[in-house]
Amino acid sequence: MAKLGAEFAANGKAEHFRCLRIFLNGDSEAASYEAPAAELGSSAGALRMAVHRMRRRYRDLLRAEIAETVSSAEEIDEELRFLLSIFAAG
């Protein structure tokens, strides 16, 4: 999450990250796009696309981070499933 935030900040979009990061967790389905879109001066549709891109980048960064902790590329998906199961268990 810190790396993603740093990327946004480096691109002059720290405020976007602050508004959009709520959409990275599982509870974001209930979140409305209208208020953050208005705050950022964007449409809800454009915000949905930005969230989609942010989720994809977050996934890439997470996979890269996990790749540094395992001994082979085949273990990345297994480790990712384990990590997600821990978060799902609460």
C-alpha atoms as a PDB file:
ATOM      1  CA  MET A   1       0.000   0.000   0.000  1.00  0.00           C
ATOM      2  CA  ALA A   2       2.880   2.337   0.835  1.00  0.00           C
ATOM      3  CA  LYS A   3       4.492   1.777  -2.569  1.00  0.00           C
ATOM      4  CA  LEU A   4       1.229   2.476  -4.354  1.00  0.00           C
ATOM      5  CA  GLY A   5       0.735   5.662  -2.355  1.00  0.00           C
ATOM      6  CA  ALA A   6       4.300   6.731  -3.148  1.00  0.00           C
ATOM      7  CA  GLU A   7       3.677   6.167  -6.861  1.00  0.00           C
ATOM      8  CA  PHE A   8       0.571   8.320  -6.766  1.00  0.00           C
ATOM      9  CA  ALA A   9       2.439  11.036  -4.860  1.00  0.00           C
ATOM     10  CA  ALA A  10       5.360  10.937  -7.315  1.00  0.00           C
ATOM     11  CA  ASN A  11       2.856  11.532 -10.113  1.00  0.00           C
ATOM     12  CA  GLY A  12       1.276  14.475  -8.270  1.00  0.00           C
ATOM     13  CA  LYS A  13      -1.854  12.479  -7.422  1.00  0.00           C
ATOM     14  CA  ALA A  14      -1.562  12.037  -3.662  1.00  0.00           C
ATOM     15  CA  GLU A  15      -5.079  13.462  -3.219  1.00  0.00           C
ATOM     16  CA  HIS A  16      -6.445  10.910  -5.697  1.00  0.00           C
ATOM     17  CA  PHE A  17      -4.849   8.116  -3.704  1.00  0.00           C
ATOM     18  CA  ARG A  18      -6.317   9.462  -0.463  1.00  0.00           C
ATOM     19  CA  CYS A  19      -9.801   9.450  -1.993  1.00  0.00           C
ATOM     20  CA  LEU A  20      -9.506   6.165  -3.888  1.00  0.00           C
ATOM     21  CA  ARG A  21      -7.766   3.879  -1.413  1.00  0.00           C
ATOM     22  CA  ILE A  22     -11.082   3.062   0.292  1.00  0.00           C
ATOM     23  CA  PHE A  23     -11.944   1.127  -2.867  1.00  0.00           C
ATOM     24  CA  LEU A  24      -9.053  -1.308  -2.367  1.00  0.00           C
ATOM     25  CA  ASN A  25     -10.636  -3.249   0.470  1.00  0.00           C
ATOM     26  CA  GLY A  26     -13.518  -5.703   0.424  1.00  0.00           C
ATOM     27  CA  ASP A  27     -15.953  -3.233   1.966  1.00  0.00           C
ATOM     28  CA  SER A  28     -15.683  -0.901  -1.013  1.00  0.00           C
ATOM     29  CA  GLU A  29     -18.689  -2.450  -2.773  1.00  0.00           C
ATOM     30  CA  ALA A  30     -20.947  -0.376  -0.544  1.00  0.00           C
ATOM     31  CA  ALA A  31     -18.940   2.805  -1.127  1.00  0.00           C
ATOM     32  CA  SER A  32     -20.356   5.337  -3.543  1.00  0.00           C
ATOM     33  CA  TYR A  33     -18.275   6.762  -6.368  1.00  0.00           C
ATOM     34  CA  GLU A  34     -20.236  10.028  -6.494  1.00  0.00           C
ATOM     35  CA  ALA A  35     -18.748  11.823  -3.477  1.00  0.00           C
ATOM     36  CA  PRO A  36     -15.084  11.071  -4.246  1.00  0.00           C
ATOM     37  CA  ALA A  37     -15.700  11.899  -7.917  1.00  0.00           C
ATOM     38  CA  ALA A  38     -17.126  15.294  -6.984  1.00  0.00           C
ATOM     39  CA  GLU A  39     -14.243  15.933  -4.595  1.00  0.00           C
ATOM     40  CA  LEU A  40     -11.740  15.191  -7.366  1.00  0.00           C
ATOM     41  CA  GLY A  41     -13.693  17.052 -10.046  1.00  0.00           C
ATOM     42  CA  SER A  42     -14.353  13.897 -12.041  1.00  0.00           C
ATOM     43  CA  SER A  43     -17.295  11.830 -13.182  1.00  0.00           C
ATOM     44  CA  ALA A  44     -18.293   8.627 -11.399  1.00  0.00           C
ATOM     45  CA  GLY A  45     -17.480   6.658 -14.568  1.00  0.00           C
ATOM     46  CA  ALA A  46     -13.973   8.115 -14.779  1.00  0.00           C
ATOM     47  CA  LEU A  47     -13.480   7.369 -11.100  1.00  0.00           C
ATOM     48  CA  ARG A  48     -14.521   3.739 -11.598  1.00  0.00           C
ATOM     49  CA  MET A  49     -11.903   3.415 -14.346  1.00  0.00           C
ATOM     50  CA  ALA A  50      -9.265   4.999 -12.091  1.00  0.00           C
ATOM     51  CA  VAL A  51     -10.163   2.540  -9.322  1.00  0.00           C
ATOM     52  CA  HIS A  52      -9.887  -0.346 -11.791  1.00  0.00           C
ATOM     53  CA  ARG A  53      -6.394   0.802 -12.817  1.00  0.00           C
ATOM     54  CA  MET A  54      -5.388   1.347  -9.188  1.00  0.00           C
ATOM     55  CA  ARG A  55      -6.526  -2.165  -8.206  1.00  0.00           C
ATOM     56  CA  ARG A  56      -4.572  -3.648 -11.099  1.00  0.00           C
ATOM     57  CA  ARG A  57      -1.422  -1.746 -10.090  1.00  0.00           C
ATOM     58  CA  TYR A  58      -1.902  -2.728  -6.442  1.00  0.00           C
ATOM     59  CA  ARG A  59      -2.184  -6.371  -7.500  1.00  0.00           C
ATOM     60  CA  ASP A  60       1.040  -6.069  -9.517  1.00  0.00           C
ATOM     61  CA  LEU A  61       2.885  -4.471  -6.609  1.00  0.00           C
ATOM     62  CA  LEU A  62       1.599  -7.102  -4.169  1.00  0.00           C
ATOM     63  CA  ARG A  63       2.675  -9.940  -6.467  1.00  0.00           C
ATOM     64  CA  ALA A  64       6.140  -8.359  -6.824  1.00  0.00           C
ATOM     65  CA  GLU A  65       6.443  -8.035  -3.053  1.00  0.00           C
ATOM     66  CA  ILE A  66       5.448 -11.672  -2.558  1.00  0.00           C
ATOM     67  CA  ALA A  67       7.876 -12.755  -5.285  1.00  0.00           C
ATOM     68  CA  GLU A  68      10.694 -11.378  -3.138  1.00  0.00           C
ATOM     69  CA  THR A  69       9.727 -13.678  -0.256  1.00  0.00           C
ATOM     70  CA  VAL A  70       9.363 -17.018  -2.054  1.00  0.00           C
ATOM     71  CA  SER A  71      11.947 -19.216  -3.740  1.00  0.00           C
ATOM     72  CA  SER A  72      10.134 -19.790  -7.058  1.00  0.00           C
ATOM     73  CA  ALA A  73       7.568 -18.083  -9.273  1.00  0.00           C
ATOM     74  CA  GLU A  74       5.240 -21.062  -8.843  1.00  0.00           C
ATOM     75  CA  GLU A  75       4.868 -20.250  -5.156  1.00  0.00           C
ATOM     76  CA  ILE A  76       3.543 -16.718  -5.716  1.00  0.00           C
ATOM     77  CA  ASP A  77      -0.084 -17.718  -6.293  1.00  0.00           C
ATOM     78  CA  GLU A  78      -0.042 -20.143  -3.373  1.00  0.00           C
ATOM     79  CA  GLU A  79       1.370 -17.486  -1.055  1.00  0.00           C
ATOM     80  CA  LEU A  80      -1.139 -14.933  -2.323  1.00  0.00           C
ATOM     81  CA  ARG A  81      -4.052 -17.318  -1.665  1.00  0.00           C
ATOM     82  CA  PHE A  82      -2.743 -17.927   1.847  1.00  0.00           C
ATOM     83  CA  LEU A  83      -2.431 -14.196   2.504  1.00  0.00           C
ATOM     84  CA  LEU A  84      -5.951 -13.531   1.266  1.00  0.00           C
ATOM     85  CA  SER A  85      -7.329 -16.369   3.411  1.00  0.00           C
ATOM     86  CA  ILE A  86      -5.828 -14.723   6.465  1.00  0.00           C
ATOM     87  CA  PHE A  87      -7.529 -11.426   5.658  1.00  0.00           C
ATOM     88  CA  ALA A  88     -10.825 -13.185   4.950  1.00  0.00           C
ATOM     89  CA  ALA A  89     -10.687 -14.937   8.329  1.00  0.00           C
ATOM     90  CA  GLY A  90     -10.633 -11.511   9.918  1.00  0.00           C
END
